[in-house]
Amino acid sequence: MAAARAAIPRKMRIGSKQYSIEILETMKEKRRMAHISYTAQTIKIGRRSNVTSRKFTTDEVQESFWHEVIHGILHDMGRDTLNRSEQFVNGFAHRLTKAIKSASF
């Protein structure tokens, strides 16, 4: 039986903060797929590239979501050095997305 695709929530608590999640057609900032705002308590994810207009796959959108959640968790933990390492966050998000996608319930 194939694993069900994980849905992206509308809201999520990270530490003591409640974040709203918005799925946008594209992000305003060039070359950005997603973004977390700690002050506005939002996670925004684009469905399409704002450079090439290519539509992102479901897996890419989900990985972008988990990428921003990881940033939020590291921020909440005060782990600024790891939070600034896009290489670490990308690698963690990729593996987390694969783990979630492969889960059976």
PDB file of N, CA and C in Angstrom:
ATOM      1  N   MET A   1       0.847  -1.195   0.000  1.00  0.00           N
ATOM      2  CA  MET A   1       0.000   0.000   0.000  1.00  0.00           C
ATOM      3  C   MET A   1       0.883   1.246   0.000  1.00  0.00           C
ATOM      4  N   ALA A   2       0.653   2.155  -0.911  1.00  0.00           N
ATOM      5  CA  ALA A   2       1.455   3.379  -1.012  1.00  0.00           C
ATOM      6  C   ALA A   2       1.116   4.317   0.136  1.00  0.00           C
ATOM      7  N   ALA A   3       2.117   5.050   0.578  1.00  0.00           N
ATOM      8  CA  ALA A   3       1.918   6.016   1.660  1.00  0.00           C
ATOM      9  C   ALA A   3       1.093   7.189   1.154  1.00  0.00           C
ATOM     10  N   ALA A   4       0.205   7.678   1.981  1.00  0.00           N
ATOM     11  CA  ALA A   4      -0.597   8.853   1.629  1.00  0.00           C
ATOM     12  C   ALA A   4       0.278  10.094   1.685  1.00  0.00           C
ATOM     13  N   ARG A   5      -0.009  11.041   0.836  1.00  0.00           N
ATOM     14  CA  ARG A   5       0.728  12.306   0.851  1.00  0.00           C
ATOM     15  C   ARG A   5       0.332  13.095   2.083  1.00  0.00           C
ATOM     16  N   ALA A   6       1.325  13.655   2.725  1.00  0.00           N
ATOM     17  CA  ALA A   6       1.065  14.461   3.922  1.00  0.00           C
ATOM     18  C   ALA A   6       0.435  15.785   3.506  1.00  0.00           C
ATOM     19  N   ALA A   7      -0.648  16.119   4.150  1.00  0.00           N
ATOM     20  CA  ALA A   7      -1.300  17.405   3.890  1.00  0.00           C
ATOM     21  C   ALA A   7      -0.533  18.510   4.603  1.00  0.00           C
ATOM     22  N   ILE A   8      -0.574  19.680   4.050  1.00  0.00           N
ATOM     23  CA  ILE A   8       0.050  20.839   4.689  1.00  0.00           C
ATOM     24  C   ILE A   8      -1.030  21.513   5.532  1.00  0.00           C
ATOM     25  N   PRO A   9      -0.762  21.698   6.827  1.00  0.00           N
ATOM     26  CA  PRO A   9      -1.783  22.279   7.704  1.00  0.00           C
ATOM     27  C   PRO A   9      -1.984  23.770   7.434  1.00  0.00           C
ATOM     28  N   ARG A  10      -3.090  24.295   7.928  1.00  0.00           N
ATOM     29  CA  ARG A  10      -3.362  25.732   7.827  1.00  0.00           C
ATOM     30  C   ARG A  10      -2.713  26.481   8.985  1.00  0.00           C
ATOM     31  N   LYS A  11      -2.539  25.787  10.129  1.00  0.00           N
ATOM     32  CA  LYS A  11      -1.906  26.366  11.314  1.00  0.00           C
ATOM     33  C   LYS A  11      -1.046  25.305  11.970  1.00  0.00           C
ATOM     34  N   MET A  12      -0.029  25.780  12.694  1.00  0.00           N
ATOM     35  CA  MET A  12       0.871  24.861  13.378  1.00  0.00           C
ATOM     36  C   MET A  12       1.543  25.596  14.523  1.00  0.00           C
ATOM     37  N   ARG A  13       1.674  24.924  15.639  1.00  0.00           N
ATOM     38  CA  ARG A  13       2.382  25.498  16.786  1.00  0.00           C
ATOM     39  C   ARG A  13       3.827  25.012  16.744  1.00  0.00           C
ATOM     40  N   ILE A  14       4.751  25.974  16.856  1.00  0.00           N
ATOM     41  CA  ILE A  14       6.178  25.681  16.995  1.00  0.00           C
ATOM     42  C   ILE A  14       6.615  26.360  18.273  1.00  0.00           C
ATOM     43  N   GLY A  15       6.930  25.559  19.280  1.00  0.00           N
ATOM     44  CA  GLY A  15       7.227  26.119  20.593  1.00  0.00           C
ATOM     45  C   GLY A  15       5.991  26.815  21.122  1.00  0.00           C
ATOM     46  N   SER A  16       6.137  28.051  21.538  1.00  0.00           N
ATOM     47  CA  SER A  16       5.004  28.802  22.103  1.00  0.00           C
ATOM     48  C   SER A  16       4.277  29.634  21.047  1.00  0.00           C
ATOM     49  N   LYS A  17       4.727  29.585  19.797  1.00  0.00           N
ATOM     50  CA  LYS A  17       4.122  30.420  18.746  1.00  0.00           C
ATOM     51  C   LYS A  17       3.210  29.607  17.829  1.00  0.00           C
ATOM     52  N   GLN A  18       2.094  30.216  17.478  1.00  0.00           N
ATOM     53  CA  GLN A  18       1.153  29.630  16.527  1.00  0.00           C
ATOM     54  C   GLN A  18       1.422  30.270  15.161  1.00  0.00           C
ATOM     55  N   TYR A  19       1.764  29.458  14.171  1.00  0.00           N
ATOM     56  CA  TYR A  19       2.050  29.946  12.824  1.00  0.00           C
ATOM     57  C   TYR A  19       0.872  29.659  11.898  1.00  0.00           C
ATOM     58  N   SER A  20       0.551  30.625  11.042  1.00  0.00           N
ATOM     59  CA  SER A  20      -0.415  30.434   9.967  1.00  0.00           C
ATOM     60  C   SER A  20       0.369  30.048   8.729  1.00  0.00           C
ATOM     61  N   ILE A  21      -0.146  29.091   7.983  1.00  0.00           N
ATOM     62  CA  ILE A  21       0.522  28.643   6.766  1.00  0.00           C
ATOM     63  C   ILE A  21      -0.311  29.081   5.572  1.00  0.00           C
ATOM     64  N   GLU A  22       0.351  29.746   4.631  1.00  0.00           N
ATOM     65  CA  GLU A  22      -0.314  30.236   3.423  1.00  0.00           C
ATOM     66  C   GLU A  22       0.344  29.614   2.202  1.00  0.00           C
ATOM     67  N   ILE A  23      -0.473  29.067   1.310  1.00  0.00           N
ATOM     68  CA  ILE A  23       0.008  28.562   0.031  1.00  0.00           C
ATOM     69  C   ILE A  23      -0.314  29.630  -1.007  1.00  0.00           C
ATOM     70  N   LEU A  24       0.730  30.164  -1.622  1.00  0.00           N
ATOM     71  CA  LEU A  24       0.587  31.238  -2.607  1.00  0.00           C
ATOM     72  C   LEU A  24       0.882  30.708  -4.005  1.00  0.00           C
ATOM     73  N   GLU A  25       0.389  31.401  -5.005  1.00  0.00           N
ATOM     74  CA  GLU A  25       0.730  30.996  -6.375  1.00  0.00           C
ATOM     75  C   GLU A  25       2.242  31.123  -6.580  1.00  0.00           C
ATOM     76  N   THR A  26       2.811  32.285  -6.220  1.00  0.00           N
ATOM     77  CA  THR A  26       4.261  32.477  -6.257  1.00  0.00           C
ATOM     78  C   THR A  26       4.661  33.367  -5.080  1.00  0.00           C
ATOM     79  N   MET A  27       5.912  33.264  -4.710  1.00  0.00           N
ATOM     80  CA  MET A  27       6.458  34.139  -3.681  1.00  0.00           C
ATOM     81  C   MET A  27       6.801  35.477  -4.336  1.00  0.00           C
ATOM     82  N   LYS A  28       6.732  36.562  -3.587  1.00  0.00           N
ATOM     83  CA  LYS A  28       7.080  37.879  -4.127  1.00  0.00           C
ATOM     84  C   LYS A  28       8.578  38.009  -4.344  1.00  0.00           C
ATOM     85  N   GLU A  29       9.373  37.487  -3.406  1.00  0.00           N
ATOM     86  CA  GLU A  29      10.830  37.623  -3.479  1.00  0.00           C
ATOM     87  C   GLU A  29      11.384  36.647  -4.514  1.00  0.00           C
ATOM     88  N   LYS A  30      12.176  37.152  -5.437  1.00  0.00           N
ATOM     89  CA  LYS A  30      12.753  36.328  -6.499  1.00  0.00           C
ATOM     90  C   LYS A  30      13.599  35.202  -5.925  1.00  0.00           C
ATOM     91  N   ARG A  31      13.512  34.057  -6.576  1.00  0.00           N
ATOM     92  CA  ARG A  31      14.279  32.860  -6.258  1.00  0.00           C
ATOM     93  C   ARG A  31      13.921  32.249  -4.899  1.00  0.00           C
ATOM     94  N   ARG A  32      12.808  32.623  -4.339  1.00  0.00           N
ATOM     95  CA  ARG A  32      12.389  32.072  -3.047  1.00  0.00           C
ATOM     96  C   ARG A  32      11.173  31.179  -3.265  1.00  0.00           C
ATOM     97  N   MET A  33      11.243  29.951  -2.722  1.00  0.00           N
ATOM     98  CA  MET A  33      10.118  29.015  -2.820  1.00  0.00           C
ATOM     99  C   MET A  33       9.187  29.131  -1.615  1.00  0.00           C
ATOM    100  N   ALA A  34       9.763  29.507  -0.475  1.00  0.00           N
ATOM    101  CA  ALA A  34       8.987  29.585   0.767  1.00  0.00           C
ATOM    102  C   ALA A  34       9.716  30.504   1.741  1.00  0.00           C
ATOM    103  N   HIS A  35       8.998  30.880   2.812  1.00  0.00           N
ATOM    104  CA  HIS A  35       9.606  31.766   3.808  1.00  0.00           C
ATOM    105  C   HIS A  35       8.844  31.662   5.122  1.00  0.00           C
ATOM    106  N   ILE A  36       9.595  31.698   6.223  1.00  0.00           N
ATOM    107  CA  ILE A  36       8.984  31.770   7.549  1.00  0.00           C
ATOM    108  C   ILE A  36       9.274  33.149   8.125  1.00  0.00           C
ATOM    109  N   SER A  37       8.258  33.759   8.707  1.00  0.00           N
ATOM    110  CA  SER A  37       8.431  35.026   9.415  1.00  0.00           C
ATOM    111  C   SER A  37       8.172  34.757  10.887  1.00  0.00           C
ATOM    112  N   TYR A  38       9.214  34.910  11.692  1.00  0.00           N
ATOM    113  CA  TYR A  38       9.080  34.665  13.133  1.00  0.00           C
ATOM    114  C   TYR A  38       8.225  35.746  13.790  1.00  0.00           C
ATOM    115  N   THR A  39       8.330  36.976  13.305  1.00  0.00           N
ATOM    116  CA  THR A  39       7.567  38.075  13.922  1.00  0.00           C
ATOM    117  C   THR A  39       6.092  38.048  13.509  1.00  0.00           C
ATOM    118  N   ALA A  40       5.824  37.811  12.229  1.00  0.00           N
ATOM    119  CA  ALA A  40       4.436  37.739  11.755  1.00  0.00           C
ATOM    120  C   ALA A  40       3.813  36.371  12.037  1.00  0.00           C
ATOM    121  N   GLN A  41       4.650  35.414  12.406  1.00  0.00           N
ATOM    122  CA  GLN A  41       4.225  34.046  12.698  1.00  0.00           C
ATOM    123  C   GLN A  41       3.471  33.435  11.512  1.00  0.00           C
ATOM    124  N   THR A  42       4.122  33.539  10.346  1.00  0.00           N
ATOM    125  CA  THR A  42       3.565  32.958   9.124  1.00  0.00           C
ATOM    126  C   THR A  42       4.603  32.112   8.421  1.00  0.00           C
ATOM    127  N   ILE A  43       4.120  31.116   7.718  1.00  0.00           N
ATOM    128  CA  ILE A  43       4.927  30.338   6.774  1.00  0.00           C
ATOM    129  C   ILE A  43       4.210  30.473   5.440  1.00  0.00           C
ATOM    130  N   LYS A  44       4.934  30.960   4.436  1.00  0.00           N
ATOM    131  CA  LYS A  44       4.363  31.120   3.101  1.00  0.00           C
ATOM    132  C   LYS A  44       5.107  30.189   2.153  1.00  0.00           C
ATOM    133  N   ILE A  45       4.345  29.522   1.294  1.00  0.00           N
ATOM    134  CA  ILE A  45       4.918  28.563   0.347  1.00  0.00           C
ATOM    135  C   ILE A  45       4.347  28.861  -1.027  1.00  0.00           C
ATOM    136  N   GLY A  46       5.239  28.967  -2.020  1.00  0.00           N
ATOM    137  CA  GLY A  46       4.806  29.185  -3.396  1.00  0.00           C
ATOM    138  C   GLY A  46       4.519  27.879  -4.110  1.00  0.00           C
ATOM    139  N   ARG A  47       3.539  27.899  -5.009  1.00  0.00           N
ATOM    140  CA  ARG A  47       3.211  26.730  -5.835  1.00  0.00           C
ATOM    141  C   ARG A  47       4.013  26.703  -7.133  1.00  0.00           C
ATOM    142  N   ARG A  48       4.561  27.866  -7.479  1.00  0.00           N
ATOM    143  CA  ARG A  48       5.192  28.027  -8.801  1.00  0.00           C
ATOM    144  C   ARG A  48       6.425  28.903  -8.663  1.00  0.00           C
ATOM    145  N   SER A  49       7.416  28.662  -9.503  1.00  0.00           N
ATOM    146  CA  SER A  49       8.639  29.463  -9.518  1.00  0.00           C
ATOM    147  C   SER A  49       8.325  30.887  -9.960  1.00  0.00           C
ATOM    148  N   ASN A  50       8.882  31.864  -9.252  1.00  0.00           N
ATOM    149  CA  ASN A  50       8.670  33.258  -9.639  1.00  0.00           C
ATOM    150  C   ASN A  50       9.750  33.725 -10.623  1.00  0.00           C
ATOM    151  N   VAL A  51      10.582  32.781 -11.066  1.00  0.00           N
ATOM    152  CA  VAL A  51      11.598  33.082 -12.069  1.00  0.00           C
ATOM    153  C   VAL A  51      11.220  32.443 -13.405  1.00  0.00           C
ATOM    154  N   THR A  52      10.885  31.137 -13.371  1.00  0.00           N
ATOM    155  CA  THR A  52      10.600  30.404 -14.608  1.00  0.00           C
ATOM    156  C   THR A  52       9.114  30.109 -14.812  1.00  0.00           C
ATOM    157  N   SER A  53       8.293  30.330 -13.797  1.00  0.00           N
ATOM    158  CA  SER A  53       6.861  30.005 -13.788  1.00  0.00           C
ATOM    159  C   SER A  53       6.579  28.504 -13.744  1.00  0.00           C
ATOM    160  N   ARG A  54       7.621  27.699 -13.556  1.00  0.00           N
ATOM    161  CA  ARG A  54       7.435  26.248 -13.464  1.00  0.00           C
ATOM    162  C   ARG A  54       6.642  25.912 -12.211  1.00  0.00           C
ATOM    163  N   LYS A  55       5.658  25.029 -12.365  1.00  0.00           N
ATOM    164  CA  LYS A  55       4.863  24.594 -11.231  1.00  0.00           C
ATOM    165  C   LYS A  55       5.693  23.588 -10.421  1.00  0.00           C
ATOM    166  N   PHE A  56       5.754  23.780  -9.105  1.00  0.00           N
ATOM    167  CA  PHE A  56       6.484  22.863  -8.239  1.00  0.00           C
ATOM    168  C   PHE A  56       5.679  21.582  -8.058  1.00  0.00           C
ATOM    169  N   THR A  57       6.389  20.481  -7.921  1.00  0.00           N
ATOM    170  CA  THR A  57       5.726  19.208  -7.662  1.00  0.00           C
ATOM    171  C   THR A  57       5.191  19.204  -6.235  1.00  0.00           C
ATOM    172  N   THR A  58       4.285  18.303  -5.956  1.00  0.00           N
ATOM    173  CA  THR A  58       3.756  18.146  -4.596  1.00  0.00           C
ATOM    174  C   THR A  58       4.883  17.883  -3.619  1.00  0.00           C
ATOM    175  N   ASP A  59       5.833  17.038  -4.013  1.00  0.00           N
ATOM    176  CA  ASP A  59       6.976  16.740  -3.140  1.00  0.00           C
ATOM    177  C   ASP A  59       7.812  17.990  -2.867  1.00  0.00           C
ATOM    178  N   GLU A  60       8.025  18.831  -3.871  1.00  0.00           N
ATOM    179  CA  GLU A  60       8.796  20.062  -3.679  1.00  0.00           C
ATOM    180  C   GLU A  60       8.077  21.022  -2.734  1.00  0.00           C
ATOM    181  N   VAL A  61       6.765  21.121  -2.872  1.00  0.00           N
ATOM    182  CA  VAL A  61       5.987  22.008  -1.989  1.00  0.00           C
ATOM    183  C   VAL A  61       6.053  21.490  -0.553  1.00  0.00           C
ATOM    184  N   GLN A  62       5.885  20.185  -0.374  1.00  0.00           N
ATOM    185  CA  GLN A  62       5.959  19.606   0.962  1.00  0.00           C
ATOM    186  C   GLN A  62       7.342  19.777   1.572  1.00  0.00           C
ATOM    187  N   GLU A  63       8.380  19.557   0.771  1.00  0.00           N
ATOM    188  CA  GLU A  63       9.738  19.731   1.287  1.00  0.00           C
ATOM    189  C   GLU A  63       9.990  21.188   1.668  1.00  0.00           C
ATOM    190  N   SER A  64       9.465  22.125   0.884  1.00  0.00           N
ATOM    191  CA  SER A  64       9.594  23.548   1.232  1.00  0.00           C
ATOM    192  C   SER A  64       8.905  23.847   2.552  1.00  0.00           C
ATOM    193  N   PHE A  65       7.730  23.242   2.766  1.00  0.00           N
ATOM    194  CA  PHE A  65       7.016  23.424   4.026  1.00  0.00           C
ATOM    195  C   PHE A  65       7.855  22.913   5.194  1.00  0.00           C
ATOM    196  N   TRP A  66       8.348  21.688   5.107  1.00  0.00           N
ATOM    197  CA  TRP A  66       9.149  21.125   6.199  1.00  0.00           C
ATOM    198  C   TRP A  66      10.443  21.896   6.398  1.00  0.00           C
ATOM    199  N   HIS A  67      11.020  22.408   5.327  1.00  0.00           N
ATOM    200  CA  HIS A  67      12.223  23.238   5.409  1.00  0.00           C
ATOM    201  C   HIS A  67      11.957  24.447   6.319  1.00  0.00           C
ATOM    202  N   GLU A  68      10.841  25.125   6.090  1.00  0.00           N
ATOM    203  CA  GLU A  68      10.507  26.302   6.898  1.00  0.00           C
ATOM    204  C   GLU A  68      10.158  25.914   8.334  1.00  0.00           C
ATOM    205  N   VAL A  69       9.509  24.772   8.528  1.00  0.00           N
ATOM    206  CA  VAL A  69       9.220  24.288   9.884  1.00  0.00           C
ATOM    207  C   VAL A  69      10.521  24.040  10.637  1.00  0.00           C
ATOM    208  N   ILE A  70      11.500  23.443   9.969  1.00  0.00           N
ATOM    209  CA  ILE A  70      12.808  23.201  10.598  1.00  0.00           C
ATOM    210  C   ILE A  70      13.439  24.524  11.009  1.00  0.00           C
ATOM    211  N   HIS A  71      13.382  25.540  10.135  1.00  0.00           N
ATOM    212  CA  HIS A  71      13.876  26.867  10.519  1.00  0.00           C
ATOM    213  C   HIS A  71      13.165  27.343  11.787  1.00  0.00           C
ATOM    214  N   GLY A  72      11.841  27.171  11.834  1.00  0.00           N
ATOM    215  CA  GLY A  72      11.070  27.592  12.997  1.00  0.00           C
ATOM    216  C   GLY A  72      11.476  26.852  14.266  1.00  0.00           C
ATOM    217  N   ILE A  73      11.701  25.561  14.156  1.00  0.00           N
ATOM    218  CA  ILE A  73      12.113  24.764  15.316  1.00  0.00           C
ATOM    219  C   ILE A  73      13.490  25.198  15.798  1.00  0.00           C
ATOM    220  N   LEU A  74      14.429  25.364  14.875  1.00  0.00           N
ATOM    221  CA  LEU A  74      15.783  25.783  15.253  1.00  0.00           C
ATOM    222  C   LEU A  74      15.764  27.177  15.876  1.00  0.00           C
ATOM    223  N   HIS A  75      14.933  28.069  15.339  1.00  0.00           N
ATOM    224  CA  HIS A  75      14.788  29.411  15.918  1.00  0.00           C
ATOM    225  C   HIS A  75      14.251  29.301  17.343  1.00  0.00           C
ATOM    226  N   ASP A  76      13.225  28.477  17.523  1.00  0.00           N
ATOM    227  CA  ASP A  76      12.632  28.295  18.844  1.00  0.00           C
ATOM    228  C   ASP A  76      13.645  27.714  19.837  1.00  0.00           C
ATOM    229  N   MET A  77      14.545  26.876  19.351  1.00  0.00           N
ATOM    230  CA  MET A  77      15.566  26.262  20.204  1.00  0.00           C
ATOM    231  C   MET A  77      16.755  27.183  20.461  1.00  0.00           C
ATOM    232  N   GLY A  78      16.801  28.314  19.735  1.00  0.00           N
ATOM    233  CA  GLY A  78      17.935  29.218  19.869  1.00  0.00           C
ATOM    234  C   GLY A  78      19.195  28.692  19.194  1.00  0.00           C
ATOM    235  N   ARG A  79      19.023  27.818  18.212  1.00  0.00           N
ATOM    236  CA  ARG A  79      20.153  27.221  17.504  1.00  0.00           C
ATOM    237  C   ARG A  79      20.450  28.021  16.237  1.00  0.00           C
ATOM    238  N   ASP A  80      20.927  29.257  16.438  1.00  0.00           N
ATOM    239  CA  ASP A  80      21.116  30.196  15.336  1.00  0.00           C
ATOM    240  C   ASP A  80      22.144  29.736  14.312  1.00  0.00           C
ATOM    241  N   THR A  81      23.222  29.107  14.754  1.00  0.00           N
ATOM    242  CA  THR A  81      24.248  28.653  13.813  1.00  0.00           C
ATOM    243  C   THR A  81      23.673  27.610  12.864  1.00  0.00           C
ATOM    244  N   LEU A  82      22.973  26.621  13.397  1.00  0.00           N
ATOM    245  CA  LEU A  82      22.342  25.611  12.534  1.00  0.00           C
ATOM    246  C   LEU A  82      21.254  26.241  11.683  1.00  0.00           C
ATOM    247  N   ASN A  83      20.516  27.184  12.242  1.00  0.00           N
ATOM    248  CA  ASN A  83      19.426  27.821  11.508  1.00  0.00           C
ATOM    249  C   ASN A  83      19.938  28.601  10.302  1.00  0.00           C
ATOM    250  N   ARG A  84      21.118  29.147  10.386  1.00  0.00           N
ATOM    251  CA  ARG A  84      21.699  29.897   9.257  1.00  0.00           C
ATOM    252  C   ARG A  84      22.323  28.985   8.209  1.00  0.00           C
ATOM    253  N   SER A  85      22.478  27.696   8.518  1.00  0.00           N
ATOM    254  CA  SER A  85      23.090  26.757   7.581  1.00  0.00           C
ATOM    255  C   SER A  85      22.029  26.168   6.654  1.00  0.00           C
ATOM    256  N   GLU A  86      21.885  26.766   5.483  1.00  0.00           N
ATOM    257  CA  GLU A  86      20.913  26.250   4.508  1.00  0.00           C
ATOM    258  C   GLU A  86      21.270  24.828   4.086  1.00  0.00           C
ATOM    259  N   GLN A  87      22.550  24.498   4.055  1.00  0.00           N
ATOM    260  CA  GLN A  87      22.962  23.139   3.708  1.00  0.00           C
ATOM    261  C   GLN A  87      22.395  22.144   4.729  1.00  0.00           C
ATOM    262  N   PHE A  88      22.501  22.467   6.019  1.00  0.00           N
ATOM    263  CA  PHE A  88      21.952  21.605   7.057  1.00  0.00           C
ATOM    264  C   PHE A  88      20.434  21.523   6.944  1.00  0.00           C
ATOM    265  N   VAL A  89      19.765  22.680   6.844  1.00  0.00           N
ATOM    266  CA  VAL A  89      18.303  22.702   6.803  1.00  0.00           C
ATOM    267  C   VAL A  89      17.792  21.984   5.557  1.00  0.00           C
ATOM    268  N   ASN A  90      18.427  22.186   4.405  1.00  0.00           N
ATOM    269  CA  ASN A  90      18.023  21.491   3.175  1.00  0.00           C
ATOM    270  C   ASN A  90      18.148  19.979   3.332  1.00  0.00           C
ATOM    271  N   GLY A  91      19.290  19.528   3.849  1.00  0.00           N
ATOM    272  CA  GLY A  91      19.510  18.096   4.026  1.00  0.00           C
ATOM    273  C   GLY A  91      18.518  17.483   5.005  1.00  0.00           C
ATOM    274  N   PHE A  92      18.260  18.183   6.110  1.00  0.00           N
ATOM    275  CA  PHE A  92      17.318  17.696   7.112  1.00  0.00           C
ATOM    276  C   PHE A  92      15.913  17.644   6.517  1.00  0.00           C
ATOM    277  N   ALA A  93      15.498  18.713   5.831  1.00  0.00           N
ATOM    278  CA  ALA A  93      14.151  18.776   5.244  1.00  0.00           C
ATOM    279  C   ALA A  93      13.951  17.676   4.209  1.00  0.00           C
ATOM    280  N   HIS A  94      14.960  17.424   3.394  1.00  0.00           N
ATOM    281  CA  HIS A  94      14.863  16.380   2.373  1.00  0.00           C
ATOM    282  C   HIS A  94      14.640  15.022   3.026  1.00  0.00           C
ATOM    283  N   ARG A  95      15.426  14.722   4.051  1.00  0.00           N
ATOM    284  CA  ARG A  95      15.300  13.433   4.732  1.00  0.00           C
ATOM    285  C   ARG A  95      13.992  13.321   5.513  1.00  0.00           C
ATOM    286  N   LEU A  96      13.567  14.425   6.140  1.00  0.00           N
ATOM    287  CA  LEU A  96      12.309  14.416   6.880  1.00  0.00           C
ATOM    288  C   LEU A  96      11.136  14.189   5.931  1.00  0.00           C
ATOM    289  N   THR A  97      11.130  14.859   4.799  1.00  0.00           N
ATOM    290  CA  THR A  97      10.058  14.691   3.820  1.00  0.00           C
ATOM    291  C   THR A  97       9.977  13.252   3.341  1.00  0.00           C
ATOM    292  N   LYS A  98      11.133  12.651   3.047  1.00  0.00           N
ATOM    293  CA  LYS A  98      11.152  11.258   2.608  1.00  0.00           C
ATOM    294  C   LYS A  98      10.645  10.324   3.701  1.00  0.00           C
ATOM    295  N   ALA A  99      11.042  10.580   4.952  1.00  0.00           N
ATOM    296  CA  ALA A  99      10.599   9.738   6.065  1.00  0.00           C
ATOM    297  C   ALA A  99       9.082   9.826   6.234  1.00  0.00           C
ATOM    298  N   ILE A 100       8.547  11.049   6.199  1.00  0.00           N
ATOM    299  CA  ILE A 100       7.105  11.233   6.355  1.00  0.00           C
ATOM    300  C   ILE A 100       6.351  10.573   5.205  1.00  0.00           C
ATOM    301  N   LYS A 101       6.858  10.747   4.000  1.00  0.00           N
ATOM    302  CA  LYS A 101       6.216  10.182   2.816  1.00  0.00           C
ATOM    303  C   LYS A 101       6.200   8.655   2.853  1.00  0.00           C
ATOM    304  N   SER A 102       7.214   8.053   3.464  1.00  0.00           N
ATOM    305  CA  SER A 102       7.300   6.589   3.479  1.00  0.00           C
ATOM    306  C   SER A 102       6.556   5.947   4.647  1.00  0.00           C
ATOM    307  N   ALA A 103       6.059   6.768   5.573  1.00  0.00           N
ATOM    308  CA  ALA A 103       5.422   6.232   6.777  1.00  0.00           C
ATOM    309  C   ALA A 103       4.131   5.486   6.441  1.00  0.00           C
ATOM    310  N   SER A 104       3.920   4.394   7.147  1.00  0.00           N
ATOM    311  CA  SER A 104       2.674   3.611   7.026  1.00  0.00           C
ATOM    312  C   SER A 104       1.964   3.654   8.368  1.00  0.00           C
ATOM    313  N   PHE A 105       0.652   3.808   8.328  1.00  0.00           N
ATOM    314  CA  PHE A 105      -0.145   3.859   9.549  1.00  0.00           C
ATOM    315  C   PHE A 105      -1.194   2.761   9.540  1.00  0.00           C
TER     316      PHE A 105
END
